[in-house]
N, C-alpha and C. Protein backbone atom coordinates (compact mmCIF):
# COMPACT_ATOMS: atom_id res chain seq x y z
N MET A 1 67.97 -89.57 -5.63
CA MET A 1 67.52 -89.24 -4.27
C MET A 1 68.68 -88.67 -3.45
N ASN A 2 68.39 -87.58 -2.77
CA ASN A 2 69.39 -86.96 -1.91
C ASN A 2 69.12 -87.42 -0.48
N TRP A 3 69.85 -88.42 -0.03
CA TRP A 3 69.59 -89.00 1.29
C TRP A 3 69.95 -88.04 2.41
N ASP A 4 70.93 -87.18 2.19
CA ASP A 4 71.28 -86.18 3.20
C ASP A 4 70.11 -85.22 3.42
N TRP A 5 69.45 -84.83 2.33
CA TRP A 5 68.29 -83.94 2.45
C TRP A 5 67.18 -84.64 3.24
N LEU A 6 66.96 -85.92 2.95
CA LEU A 6 65.92 -86.66 3.65
C LEU A 6 66.20 -86.73 5.15
N ARG A 7 67.43 -87.05 5.50
CA ARG A 7 67.79 -87.17 6.92
C ARG A 7 67.62 -85.84 7.66
N SER A 8 67.99 -84.76 7.01
CA SER A 8 67.92 -83.46 7.68
C SER A 8 66.51 -82.87 7.69
N ASN A 9 65.60 -83.44 6.89
CA ASN A 9 64.24 -82.89 6.81
C ASN A 9 63.17 -83.83 7.35
N VAL A 10 63.61 -84.84 8.11
CA VAL A 10 62.62 -85.74 8.72
C VAL A 10 61.62 -84.99 9.60
N PRO A 11 62.05 -84.07 10.47
CA PRO A 11 61.06 -83.33 11.28
C PRO A 11 60.05 -82.57 10.44
N ALA A 12 60.51 -81.95 9.34
CA ALA A 12 59.61 -81.20 8.46
C ALA A 12 58.60 -82.14 7.80
N LEU A 13 59.05 -83.34 7.41
CA LEU A 13 58.14 -84.31 6.80
C LEU A 13 57.12 -84.81 7.82
N VAL A 14 57.55 -85.00 9.05
CA VAL A 14 56.62 -85.44 10.11
C VAL A 14 55.56 -84.37 10.35
N ASP A 15 55.98 -83.09 10.44
CA ASP A 15 55.03 -82.00 10.65
C ASP A 15 54.04 -81.90 9.48
N ALA A 16 54.56 -82.05 8.27
CA ALA A 16 53.69 -81.99 7.10
C ALA A 16 52.69 -83.14 7.09
N THR A 17 53.14 -84.32 7.52
CA THR A 17 52.25 -85.49 7.59
C THR A 17 51.14 -85.26 8.61
N VAL A 18 51.50 -84.69 9.75
CA VAL A 18 50.49 -84.38 10.78
C VAL A 18 49.47 -83.38 10.24
N ASP A 19 49.96 -82.33 9.57
CA ASP A 19 49.04 -81.35 8.97
C ASP A 19 48.12 -82.01 7.94
N HIS A 20 48.68 -82.92 7.17
CA HIS A 20 47.91 -83.64 6.15
C HIS A 20 46.80 -84.46 6.81
N LEU A 21 47.15 -85.14 7.90
CA LEU A 21 46.16 -85.94 8.62
C LEU A 21 45.06 -85.07 9.22
N ILE A 22 45.44 -83.91 9.75
CA ILE A 22 44.44 -83.01 10.35
C ILE A 22 43.47 -82.51 9.28
N LEU A 23 43.99 -82.07 8.15
CA LEU A 23 43.14 -81.60 7.06
C LEU A 23 42.20 -82.69 6.59
N THR A 24 42.74 -83.91 6.46
CA THR A 24 41.92 -85.03 6.01
C THR A 24 40.87 -85.40 7.05
N GLY A 25 41.28 -85.45 8.31
CA GLY A 25 40.35 -85.83 9.37
C GLY A 25 39.19 -84.87 9.50
N ILE A 26 39.48 -83.56 9.44
CA ILE A 26 38.40 -82.56 9.53
C ILE A 26 37.44 -82.72 8.36
N ALA A 27 38.00 -82.85 7.16
CA ALA A 27 37.16 -82.93 5.96
C ALA A 27 36.26 -84.16 5.99
N VAL A 28 36.83 -85.32 6.29
CA VAL A 28 36.04 -86.56 6.29
C VAL A 28 35.04 -86.55 7.46
N GLY A 29 35.46 -86.04 8.62
CA GLY A 29 34.56 -86.00 9.77
C GLY A 29 33.36 -85.11 9.53
N VAL A 30 33.61 -83.88 9.06
CA VAL A 30 32.50 -82.96 8.78
C VAL A 30 31.67 -83.48 7.61
N GLY A 31 32.34 -83.99 6.59
CA GLY A 31 31.61 -84.53 5.44
C GLY A 31 30.72 -85.69 5.83
N PHE A 32 31.21 -86.55 6.72
CA PHE A 32 30.40 -87.70 7.16
C PHE A 32 29.19 -87.22 7.94
N ALA A 33 29.37 -86.22 8.80
CA ALA A 33 28.25 -85.70 9.59
C ALA A 33 27.16 -85.13 8.67
N ILE A 34 27.57 -84.32 7.69
CA ILE A 34 26.59 -83.73 6.76
C ILE A 34 25.93 -84.83 5.93
N SER A 35 26.73 -85.76 5.43
CA SER A 35 26.20 -86.84 4.59
C SER A 35 25.25 -87.73 5.37
N PHE A 36 25.55 -87.95 6.64
CA PHE A 36 24.68 -88.77 7.49
C PHE A 36 23.31 -88.13 7.62
N VAL A 37 23.29 -86.81 7.81
CA VAL A 37 22.01 -86.10 7.87
C VAL A 37 21.28 -86.20 6.53
N PHE A 38 22.02 -85.99 5.44
CA PHE A 38 21.42 -86.13 4.11
C PHE A 38 20.79 -87.51 3.94
N ALA A 39 21.56 -88.54 4.33
CA ALA A 39 21.09 -89.92 4.14
C ALA A 39 19.85 -90.21 4.98
N LEU A 40 19.81 -89.71 6.20
CA LEU A 40 18.63 -89.94 7.05
C LEU A 40 17.41 -89.25 6.47
N VAL A 41 17.60 -88.04 5.95
CA VAL A 41 16.48 -87.34 5.32
C VAL A 41 15.97 -88.12 4.12
N ILE A 42 16.89 -88.63 3.31
CA ILE A 42 16.51 -89.42 2.13
C ILE A 42 15.85 -90.72 2.56
N HIS A 43 16.40 -91.36 3.58
CA HIS A 43 15.84 -92.63 4.06
C HIS A 43 14.42 -92.44 4.58
N ARG A 44 14.17 -91.28 5.13
CA ARG A 44 12.85 -90.97 5.67
C ARG A 44 11.87 -90.60 4.56
N ASP A 45 12.37 -89.87 3.56
CA ASP A 45 11.50 -89.41 2.47
C ASP A 45 12.31 -89.41 1.18
N ARG A 46 12.03 -90.36 0.28
CA ARG A 46 12.82 -90.53 -0.94
C ARG A 46 12.71 -89.34 -1.88
N ARG A 47 11.75 -88.46 -1.67
CA ARG A 47 11.63 -87.29 -2.55
C ARG A 47 12.84 -86.37 -2.44
N PHE A 48 13.58 -86.49 -1.34
CA PHE A 48 14.75 -85.63 -1.16
C PHE A 48 16.00 -86.20 -1.84
N TYR A 49 15.91 -87.43 -2.37
CA TYR A 49 17.11 -88.04 -2.95
C TYR A 49 17.62 -87.24 -4.14
N GLY A 50 16.72 -86.86 -5.02
CA GLY A 50 17.13 -86.12 -6.21
C GLY A 50 17.82 -84.81 -5.89
N PRO A 51 17.20 -83.93 -5.09
CA PRO A 51 17.84 -82.64 -4.79
C PRO A 51 19.16 -82.77 -4.05
N LEU A 52 19.22 -83.64 -3.02
CA LEU A 52 20.44 -83.75 -2.23
C LEU A 52 21.56 -84.44 -3.00
N ALA A 53 21.21 -85.52 -3.70
CA ALA A 53 22.22 -86.19 -4.51
C ALA A 53 22.68 -85.30 -5.66
N GLY A 54 21.73 -84.53 -6.22
CA GLY A 54 22.08 -83.62 -7.30
C GLY A 54 23.03 -82.54 -6.84
N PHE A 55 22.77 -81.96 -5.66
CA PHE A 55 23.66 -80.93 -5.11
C PHE A 55 25.05 -81.51 -4.88
N SER A 56 25.11 -82.69 -4.24
CA SER A 56 26.40 -83.33 -3.97
C SER A 56 27.14 -83.65 -5.26
N GLY A 57 26.38 -84.10 -6.28
CA GLY A 57 26.99 -84.44 -7.56
C GLY A 57 27.56 -83.23 -8.28
N VAL A 58 26.85 -82.10 -8.21
CA VAL A 58 27.33 -80.87 -8.86
C VAL A 58 28.64 -80.42 -8.22
N VAL A 59 28.69 -80.43 -6.88
CA VAL A 59 29.91 -80.03 -6.17
C VAL A 59 31.06 -80.96 -6.56
N TYR A 60 30.77 -82.26 -6.65
CA TYR A 60 31.82 -83.25 -6.94
C TYR A 60 32.41 -83.06 -8.33
N THR A 61 31.60 -82.55 -9.26
CA THR A 61 32.09 -82.41 -10.64
C THR A 61 32.90 -81.14 -10.86
N ILE A 62 32.89 -80.21 -9.92
CA ILE A 62 33.67 -78.98 -10.08
C ILE A 62 35.15 -79.28 -9.91
N PRO A 63 36.00 -78.91 -10.86
CA PRO A 63 37.45 -79.14 -10.69
C PRO A 63 37.96 -78.47 -9.43
N SER A 64 38.89 -79.12 -8.74
CA SER A 64 39.35 -78.62 -7.45
C SER A 64 39.95 -77.22 -7.54
N LEU A 65 40.75 -76.96 -8.57
CA LEU A 65 41.36 -75.64 -8.70
C LEU A 65 40.30 -74.57 -8.93
N ALA A 66 39.27 -74.91 -9.72
CA ALA A 66 38.19 -73.95 -9.98
C ALA A 66 37.40 -73.66 -8.71
N LEU A 67 37.15 -74.69 -7.92
CA LEU A 67 36.41 -74.50 -6.67
C LEU A 67 37.20 -73.64 -5.69
N LEU A 68 38.50 -73.90 -5.56
CA LEU A 68 39.34 -73.08 -4.68
C LEU A 68 39.38 -71.63 -5.16
N ALA A 69 39.50 -71.43 -6.46
CA ALA A 69 39.53 -70.07 -7.01
C ALA A 69 38.21 -69.35 -6.75
N PHE A 70 37.10 -70.09 -6.79
CA PHE A 70 35.80 -69.49 -6.52
C PHE A 70 35.66 -69.09 -5.05
N LEU A 71 36.21 -69.90 -4.16
CA LEU A 71 36.04 -69.66 -2.72
C LEU A 71 36.97 -68.58 -2.17
N VAL A 72 38.16 -68.44 -2.74
CA VAL A 72 39.17 -67.53 -2.19
C VAL A 72 38.67 -66.10 -2.01
N PRO A 73 37.92 -65.51 -2.97
CA PRO A 73 37.44 -64.14 -2.75
C PRO A 73 36.52 -64.00 -1.54
N PHE A 74 35.89 -65.09 -1.12
CA PHE A 74 34.94 -65.03 0.00
C PHE A 74 35.59 -65.40 1.33
N THR A 75 36.44 -66.41 1.32
CA THR A 75 37.02 -66.92 2.57
C THR A 75 38.53 -66.78 2.65
N GLY A 76 39.14 -66.26 1.59
CA GLY A 76 40.57 -65.99 1.62
C GLY A 76 41.44 -67.23 1.49
N LEU A 77 42.74 -67.01 1.60
CA LEU A 77 43.70 -68.12 1.56
C LEU A 77 43.78 -68.71 2.97
N SER A 78 42.82 -69.56 3.29
CA SER A 78 42.68 -70.00 4.69
C SER A 78 42.35 -71.48 4.78
N LEU A 79 42.43 -71.96 6.02
CA LEU A 79 42.02 -73.33 6.30
C LEU A 79 40.56 -73.55 5.97
N LEU A 80 39.73 -72.53 6.22
CA LEU A 80 38.30 -72.64 5.93
C LEU A 80 38.05 -72.90 4.45
N THR A 81 38.77 -72.18 3.60
CA THR A 81 38.63 -72.38 2.15
C THR A 81 38.98 -73.81 1.76
N ALA A 82 40.10 -74.29 2.30
CA ALA A 82 40.53 -75.66 1.98
C ALA A 82 39.49 -76.68 2.45
N GLU A 83 38.97 -76.49 3.66
CA GLU A 83 38.04 -77.47 4.21
C GLU A 83 36.69 -77.44 3.51
N ILE A 84 36.21 -76.26 3.12
CA ILE A 84 34.94 -76.20 2.38
C ILE A 84 35.05 -77.03 1.11
N ALA A 85 36.16 -76.87 0.39
CA ALA A 85 36.35 -77.64 -0.84
C ALA A 85 36.47 -79.13 -0.56
N LEU A 86 37.28 -79.49 0.43
CA LEU A 86 37.50 -80.90 0.73
C LEU A 86 36.23 -81.58 1.22
N VAL A 87 35.49 -80.90 2.09
CA VAL A 87 34.22 -81.45 2.58
C VAL A 87 33.25 -81.66 1.42
N GLY A 88 33.20 -80.69 0.51
CA GLY A 88 32.28 -80.79 -0.63
C GLY A 88 32.51 -82.03 -1.47
N TYR A 89 33.78 -82.41 -1.61
CA TYR A 89 34.09 -83.58 -2.44
C TYR A 89 33.78 -84.91 -1.75
N THR A 90 33.53 -84.89 -0.44
CA THR A 90 33.19 -86.13 0.26
C THR A 90 31.69 -86.42 0.23
N LEU A 91 30.88 -85.39 -0.02
CA LEU A 91 29.43 -85.54 0.19
C LEU A 91 28.79 -86.59 -0.72
N LEU A 92 29.13 -86.57 -2.00
CA LEU A 92 28.50 -87.52 -2.92
C LEU A 92 28.86 -88.95 -2.55
N ILE A 93 30.13 -89.20 -2.29
CA ILE A 93 30.59 -90.56 -1.98
C ILE A 93 29.93 -91.07 -0.70
N LEU A 94 29.97 -90.25 0.35
CA LEU A 94 29.45 -90.69 1.65
C LEU A 94 27.93 -90.78 1.67
N THR A 95 27.26 -89.83 1.05
CA THR A 95 25.79 -89.88 1.03
C THR A 95 25.32 -91.13 0.31
N ARG A 96 25.91 -91.43 -0.83
CA ARG A 96 25.50 -92.62 -1.58
C ARG A 96 25.81 -93.90 -0.82
N SER A 97 26.93 -93.94 -0.13
CA SER A 97 27.29 -95.17 0.59
C SER A 97 26.36 -95.39 1.78
N ILE A 98 26.01 -94.33 2.49
CA ILE A 98 25.11 -94.48 3.65
C ILE A 98 23.71 -94.85 3.19
N VAL A 99 23.22 -94.16 2.17
CA VAL A 99 21.90 -94.50 1.64
C VAL A 99 21.89 -95.92 1.08
N GLY A 100 22.96 -96.28 0.37
CA GLY A 100 23.05 -97.64 -0.18
C GLY A 100 23.07 -98.69 0.92
N GLY A 101 23.80 -98.40 2.01
CA GLY A 101 23.83 -99.33 3.13
C GLY A 101 22.47 -99.52 3.77
N LEU A 102 21.75 -98.43 3.96
CA LEU A 102 20.41 -98.51 4.56
C LEU A 102 19.43 -99.22 3.62
N ASP A 103 19.56 -98.95 2.33
CA ASP A 103 18.67 -99.61 1.36
C ASP A 103 18.95 -101.10 1.23
N ALA A 104 20.19 -101.51 1.57
CA ALA A 104 20.58 -102.91 1.41
C ALA A 104 20.07 -103.80 2.55
N VAL A 105 19.53 -103.20 3.60
CA VAL A 105 19.00 -104.01 4.70
C VAL A 105 17.82 -104.83 4.17
N PRO A 106 17.84 -106.16 4.32
CA PRO A 106 16.76 -107.01 3.78
C PRO A 106 15.39 -106.57 4.29
N ARG A 107 14.44 -106.56 3.39
CA ARG A 107 13.09 -106.11 3.72
C ARG A 107 12.46 -106.96 4.83
N GLU A 108 12.74 -108.27 4.81
CA GLU A 108 12.13 -109.13 5.82
C GLU A 108 12.63 -108.78 7.23
N ILE A 109 13.87 -108.28 7.30
CA ILE A 109 14.40 -107.89 8.62
C ILE A 109 13.71 -106.62 9.12
N THR A 110 13.54 -105.64 8.23
CA THR A 110 12.88 -104.41 8.65
C THR A 110 11.41 -104.68 8.99
N GLU A 111 10.77 -105.57 8.25
CA GLU A 111 9.37 -105.90 8.56
C GLU A 111 9.27 -106.62 9.89
N ALA A 112 10.24 -107.49 10.19
CA ALA A 112 10.24 -108.19 11.48
C ALA A 112 10.43 -107.19 12.62
N ALA A 113 11.33 -106.22 12.42
CA ALA A 113 11.56 -105.20 13.46
C ALA A 113 10.30 -104.37 13.67
N ASP A 114 9.62 -104.01 12.57
CA ASP A 114 8.37 -103.26 12.69
C ASP A 114 7.32 -104.08 13.42
N GLY A 115 7.28 -105.36 13.10
CA GLY A 115 6.31 -106.24 13.75
C GLY A 115 6.56 -106.40 15.24
N MET A 116 7.82 -106.24 15.66
CA MET A 116 8.17 -106.35 17.08
C MET A 116 7.91 -105.05 17.84
N GLY A 117 7.42 -104.04 17.11
CA GLY A 117 7.05 -102.79 17.77
C GLY A 117 8.13 -101.73 17.80
N TYR A 118 9.21 -101.92 17.00
CA TYR A 118 10.26 -100.91 16.97
C TYR A 118 9.73 -99.62 16.33
N SER A 119 10.07 -98.49 16.92
CA SER A 119 9.79 -97.22 16.28
C SER A 119 10.78 -97.01 15.13
N TRP A 120 10.55 -95.99 14.31
CA TRP A 120 11.46 -95.74 13.19
C TRP A 120 12.88 -95.48 13.69
N THR A 121 12.98 -94.68 14.76
CA THR A 121 14.30 -94.34 15.30
C THR A 121 14.98 -95.56 15.91
N ALA A 122 14.21 -96.34 16.68
CA ALA A 122 14.79 -97.53 17.31
C ALA A 122 15.25 -98.54 16.27
N ARG A 123 14.45 -98.71 15.23
CA ARG A 123 14.84 -99.65 14.17
C ARG A 123 16.09 -99.16 13.46
N LEU A 124 16.18 -97.85 13.25
CA LEU A 124 17.35 -97.28 12.58
C LEU A 124 18.61 -97.56 13.38
N VAL A 125 18.55 -97.32 14.69
CA VAL A 125 19.73 -97.44 15.55
C VAL A 125 20.10 -98.90 15.79
N LYS A 126 19.11 -99.75 16.03
CA LYS A 126 19.39 -101.12 16.45
C LYS A 126 19.43 -102.14 15.31
N VAL A 127 18.84 -101.79 14.17
CA VAL A 127 18.76 -102.75 13.08
C VAL A 127 19.41 -102.23 11.80
N ASP A 128 18.90 -101.11 11.29
CA ASP A 128 19.34 -100.63 9.97
C ASP A 128 20.81 -100.23 9.93
N LEU A 129 21.22 -99.36 10.87
CA LEU A 129 22.60 -98.87 10.83
C LEU A 129 23.64 -99.97 11.05
N PRO A 130 23.44 -100.87 12.03
CA PRO A 130 24.43 -101.95 12.18
C PRO A 130 24.60 -102.79 10.92
N LEU A 131 23.49 -103.08 10.23
CA LEU A 131 23.57 -103.88 9.01
C LEU A 131 24.13 -103.08 7.83
N ALA A 132 24.05 -101.75 7.93
CA ALA A 132 24.55 -100.91 6.84
C ALA A 132 26.04 -100.61 6.98
N VAL A 133 26.65 -100.99 8.10
CA VAL A 133 28.05 -100.64 8.38
C VAL A 133 29.02 -101.05 7.27
N PRO A 134 28.93 -102.26 6.70
CA PRO A 134 29.91 -102.61 5.66
C PRO A 134 29.95 -101.63 4.49
N LEU A 135 28.77 -101.22 3.99
CA LEU A 135 28.76 -100.28 2.88
C LEU A 135 29.17 -98.88 3.32
N ILE A 136 28.84 -98.51 4.54
CA ILE A 136 29.25 -97.21 5.06
C ILE A 136 30.77 -97.15 5.17
N ILE A 137 31.38 -98.22 5.69
CA ILE A 137 32.84 -98.27 5.78
C ILE A 137 33.47 -98.23 4.40
N ALA A 138 32.86 -98.91 3.44
CA ALA A 138 33.39 -98.88 2.06
C ALA A 138 33.39 -97.46 1.53
N GLY A 139 32.32 -96.72 1.78
CA GLY A 139 32.26 -95.33 1.35
C GLY A 139 33.29 -94.47 2.07
N LEU A 140 33.47 -94.72 3.35
CA LEU A 140 34.49 -93.98 4.12
C LEU A 140 35.88 -94.22 3.56
N ARG A 141 36.16 -95.46 3.17
CA ARG A 141 37.47 -95.77 2.61
C ARG A 141 37.72 -94.96 1.34
N VAL A 142 36.74 -94.95 0.45
CA VAL A 142 36.90 -94.21 -0.81
C VAL A 142 37.04 -92.72 -0.54
N ALA A 143 36.17 -92.19 0.32
CA ALA A 143 36.20 -90.75 0.62
C ALA A 143 37.51 -90.34 1.27
N THR A 144 38.01 -91.18 2.17
CA THR A 144 39.25 -90.84 2.88
C THR A 144 40.46 -90.86 1.96
N VAL A 145 40.57 -91.90 1.16
CA VAL A 145 41.71 -91.99 0.24
C VAL A 145 41.65 -90.87 -0.80
N THR A 146 40.45 -90.57 -1.28
CA THR A 146 40.28 -89.47 -2.23
C THR A 146 40.69 -88.14 -1.61
N THR A 147 40.27 -87.93 -0.36
CA THR A 147 40.60 -86.67 0.32
C THR A 147 42.09 -86.53 0.57
N ILE A 148 42.75 -87.63 0.92
CA ILE A 148 44.20 -87.58 1.12
C ILE A 148 44.89 -87.06 -0.15
N GLY A 149 44.41 -87.50 -1.30
CA GLY A 149 44.98 -87.00 -2.55
C GLY A 149 44.63 -85.55 -2.82
N LEU A 150 43.38 -85.16 -2.54
CA LEU A 150 42.94 -83.80 -2.82
C LEU A 150 43.58 -82.77 -1.90
N VAL A 151 43.96 -83.19 -0.71
CA VAL A 151 44.63 -82.27 0.21
C VAL A 151 45.87 -81.66 -0.44
N MET A 152 46.54 -82.43 -1.29
CA MET A 152 47.74 -81.94 -1.96
C MET A 152 47.46 -80.65 -2.73
N VAL A 153 46.27 -80.56 -3.33
CA VAL A 153 45.94 -79.40 -4.16
C VAL A 153 45.83 -78.13 -3.33
N THR A 154 45.44 -78.25 -2.07
CA THR A 154 45.27 -77.06 -1.23
C THR A 154 46.60 -76.40 -0.88
N ALA A 155 47.70 -77.01 -1.27
CA ALA A 155 49.01 -76.35 -1.10
C ALA A 155 49.05 -75.04 -1.87
N LEU A 156 48.25 -74.94 -2.92
CA LEU A 156 48.24 -73.74 -3.74
C LEU A 156 47.66 -72.54 -3.01
N ILE A 157 46.94 -72.77 -1.89
CA ILE A 157 46.42 -71.65 -1.11
C ILE A 157 47.08 -71.60 0.27
N GLY A 158 48.23 -72.24 0.41
CA GLY A 158 48.98 -72.16 1.65
C GLY A 158 48.72 -73.26 2.64
N GLU A 159 47.88 -74.24 2.29
CA GLU A 159 47.63 -75.38 3.17
C GLU A 159 48.33 -76.58 2.54
N GLY A 160 47.74 -77.77 2.63
CA GLY A 160 48.23 -78.89 1.84
C GLY A 160 49.09 -79.93 2.51
N GLY A 161 49.62 -79.66 3.71
CA GLY A 161 50.41 -80.69 4.36
C GLY A 161 51.58 -81.14 3.49
N LEU A 162 51.54 -82.38 3.09
CA LEU A 162 52.61 -82.92 2.24
C LEU A 162 52.62 -82.28 0.86
N GLY A 163 51.51 -81.70 0.47
CA GLY A 163 51.48 -80.97 -0.78
C GLY A 163 52.42 -79.78 -0.77
N GLN A 164 52.58 -79.17 0.42
CA GLN A 164 53.53 -78.06 0.54
C GLN A 164 54.95 -78.52 0.29
N VAL A 165 55.27 -79.71 0.78
CA VAL A 165 56.61 -80.28 0.56
C VAL A 165 56.84 -80.47 -0.94
N MET A 166 55.85 -81.03 -1.62
CA MET A 166 56.00 -81.26 -3.06
C MET A 166 56.05 -79.95 -3.83
N LEU A 167 55.23 -78.97 -3.42
CA LEU A 167 55.22 -77.69 -4.12
C LEU A 167 56.57 -76.98 -4.00
N ARG A 168 57.14 -77.00 -2.80
CA ARG A 168 58.47 -76.41 -2.63
C ARG A 168 59.51 -77.17 -3.45
N GLY A 169 59.33 -78.49 -3.53
CA GLY A 169 60.24 -79.28 -4.34
C GLY A 169 60.19 -78.88 -5.81
N PHE A 170 58.97 -78.68 -6.32
CA PHE A 170 58.83 -78.23 -7.71
C PHE A 170 59.45 -76.85 -7.91
N ASN A 171 59.17 -75.94 -6.97
CA ASN A 171 59.64 -74.56 -7.12
C ASN A 171 61.17 -74.48 -7.09
N PHE A 172 61.80 -75.31 -6.27
CA PHE A 172 63.26 -75.27 -6.14
C PHE A 172 63.95 -76.40 -6.89
N ARG A 173 63.19 -77.09 -7.73
CA ARG A 173 63.73 -78.19 -8.54
C ARG A 173 64.41 -79.25 -7.67
N ASN A 174 63.77 -79.54 -6.56
CA ASN A 174 64.28 -80.54 -5.62
C ASN A 174 63.45 -81.81 -5.80
N THR A 175 63.92 -82.69 -6.66
CA THR A 175 63.15 -83.90 -6.96
C THR A 175 63.02 -84.81 -5.74
N THR A 176 63.98 -84.76 -4.85
CA THR A 176 63.90 -85.59 -3.64
C THR A 176 62.69 -85.20 -2.79
N ALA A 177 62.44 -83.89 -2.65
CA ALA A 177 61.28 -83.41 -1.89
C ALA A 177 59.99 -83.85 -2.56
N VAL A 178 59.96 -83.79 -3.89
CA VAL A 178 58.77 -84.20 -4.63
C VAL A 178 58.49 -85.69 -4.41
N TYR A 179 59.51 -86.51 -4.58
CA TYR A 179 59.34 -87.96 -4.41
C TYR A 179 59.00 -88.32 -2.96
N ALA A 180 59.63 -87.63 -2.01
CA ALA A 180 59.36 -87.92 -0.61
C ALA A 180 57.92 -87.58 -0.25
N GLY A 181 57.44 -86.41 -0.70
CA GLY A 181 56.06 -86.03 -0.44
C GLY A 181 55.08 -87.00 -1.05
N ALA A 182 55.34 -87.42 -2.28
CA ALA A 182 54.45 -88.36 -2.95
C ALA A 182 54.45 -89.72 -2.26
N ALA A 183 55.65 -90.19 -1.89
CA ALA A 183 55.76 -91.51 -1.26
C ALA A 183 55.06 -91.55 0.08
N VAL A 184 55.24 -90.51 0.89
CA VAL A 184 54.60 -90.48 2.20
C VAL A 184 53.08 -90.38 2.04
N THR A 185 52.62 -89.64 1.06
CA THR A 185 51.18 -89.52 0.82
C THR A 185 50.57 -90.86 0.46
N VAL A 186 51.22 -91.60 -0.43
CA VAL A 186 50.73 -92.92 -0.81
C VAL A 186 50.73 -93.87 0.39
N ALA A 187 51.81 -93.83 1.16
CA ALA A 187 51.90 -94.69 2.34
C ALA A 187 50.79 -94.35 3.34
N LEU A 188 50.53 -93.07 3.49
CA LEU A 188 49.47 -92.61 4.39
C LEU A 188 48.12 -93.16 3.94
N ALA A 189 47.84 -93.07 2.65
CA ALA A 189 46.58 -93.57 2.13
C ALA A 189 46.43 -95.07 2.36
N VAL A 190 47.50 -95.82 2.13
CA VAL A 190 47.45 -97.27 2.30
C VAL A 190 47.22 -97.64 3.76
N VAL A 191 47.95 -96.99 4.66
CA VAL A 191 47.82 -97.30 6.10
C VAL A 191 46.42 -96.98 6.60
N ILE A 192 45.90 -95.83 6.24
CA ILE A 192 44.56 -95.44 6.71
C ILE A 192 43.49 -96.35 6.10
N ASP A 193 43.67 -96.72 4.84
CA ASP A 193 42.71 -97.62 4.21
C ASP A 193 42.69 -98.97 4.92
N LEU A 194 43.85 -99.50 5.23
CA LEU A 194 43.92 -100.77 5.96
C LEU A 194 43.33 -100.63 7.36
N GLY A 195 43.54 -99.47 7.98
CA GLY A 195 42.95 -99.23 9.29
C GLY A 195 41.43 -99.23 9.24
N LEU A 196 40.86 -98.64 8.19
CA LEU A 196 39.41 -98.63 8.05
C LEU A 196 38.86 -100.03 7.75
N VAL A 197 39.63 -100.82 7.02
CA VAL A 197 39.23 -102.22 6.79
C VAL A 197 39.16 -102.95 8.13
N ALA A 198 40.18 -102.77 8.97
CA ALA A 198 40.19 -103.41 10.28
C ALA A 198 39.03 -102.91 11.14
N LEU A 199 38.76 -101.61 11.07
CA LEU A 199 37.63 -101.05 11.83
C LEU A 199 36.32 -101.67 11.38
N GLY A 200 36.17 -101.85 10.08
CA GLY A 200 34.95 -102.47 9.57
C GLY A 200 34.77 -103.89 10.06
N ARG A 201 35.87 -104.63 10.14
CA ARG A 201 35.79 -106.01 10.63
C ARG A 201 35.43 -106.06 12.11
N LEU A 202 35.99 -105.10 12.87
CA LEU A 202 35.67 -105.05 14.30
C LEU A 202 34.21 -104.66 14.52
N ALA A 203 33.70 -103.78 13.67
CA ALA A 203 32.33 -103.30 13.83
C ALA A 203 31.29 -104.29 13.33
N THR A 204 31.72 -105.25 12.52
CA THR A 204 30.76 -106.23 11.97
C THR A 204 31.29 -107.65 12.21
N PRO A 205 31.33 -108.10 13.44
CA PRO A 205 31.88 -109.43 13.72
C PRO A 205 31.07 -110.55 13.08
N TRP A 206 29.79 -110.29 12.78
CA TRP A 206 28.96 -111.33 12.17
C TRP A 206 29.33 -111.63 10.73
N THR A 207 30.15 -110.76 10.11
CA THR A 207 30.55 -111.00 8.73
C THR A 207 31.80 -111.87 8.62
N ARG A 208 32.47 -112.11 9.76
CA ARG A 208 33.67 -112.94 9.73
C ARG A 208 33.30 -114.42 9.68
N ARG A 209 34.17 -115.21 9.09
CA ARG A 209 33.96 -116.65 9.09
C ARG A 209 34.24 -117.19 10.48
N SER A 210 33.45 -118.15 10.89
CA SER A 210 33.68 -118.78 12.20
C SER A 210 34.90 -119.69 12.11
């Protein structure tokens, strides 16, 4: 490890970390919004589960480099290209977790809500979604940590955050840059994962022990 290089490149590492967080945040945020719509459509009509889950599954199975290579002729070496790929990889995880959370709501609870006169929308907002939060948070954790890792690959099209640091390290045979980029990426994943665990506990106080 070259400690002098680390000390002199702290600002660059901070900037790369911020870029990494922005790329991850956009991908997970947009992916969650799309997946939430998918899940509501499926929850309303199970006939849509096959097509929507199938589409999400096909996108998820495409290797990241192949997907980026496919997109570049249409959207160029851009942030849009990176985000389309990153969002695509979140859809299967998030859609399944939201649908799984909604399906896990006990039938007797939904029947009681229906018996109390709740409309479908009111029951969804006041009963189904709050009880589905633990599984939704679990899906968010997986999708977020996965996306943090995948962001590294977008360095090949000029994005990538910490991936850019590692790529330059490989190109210039600077092992310190490679190790620093990898270490910060892992630390980022751990911190965000723990943050989502805390968020889940705050959002579901009834799951805590008294």
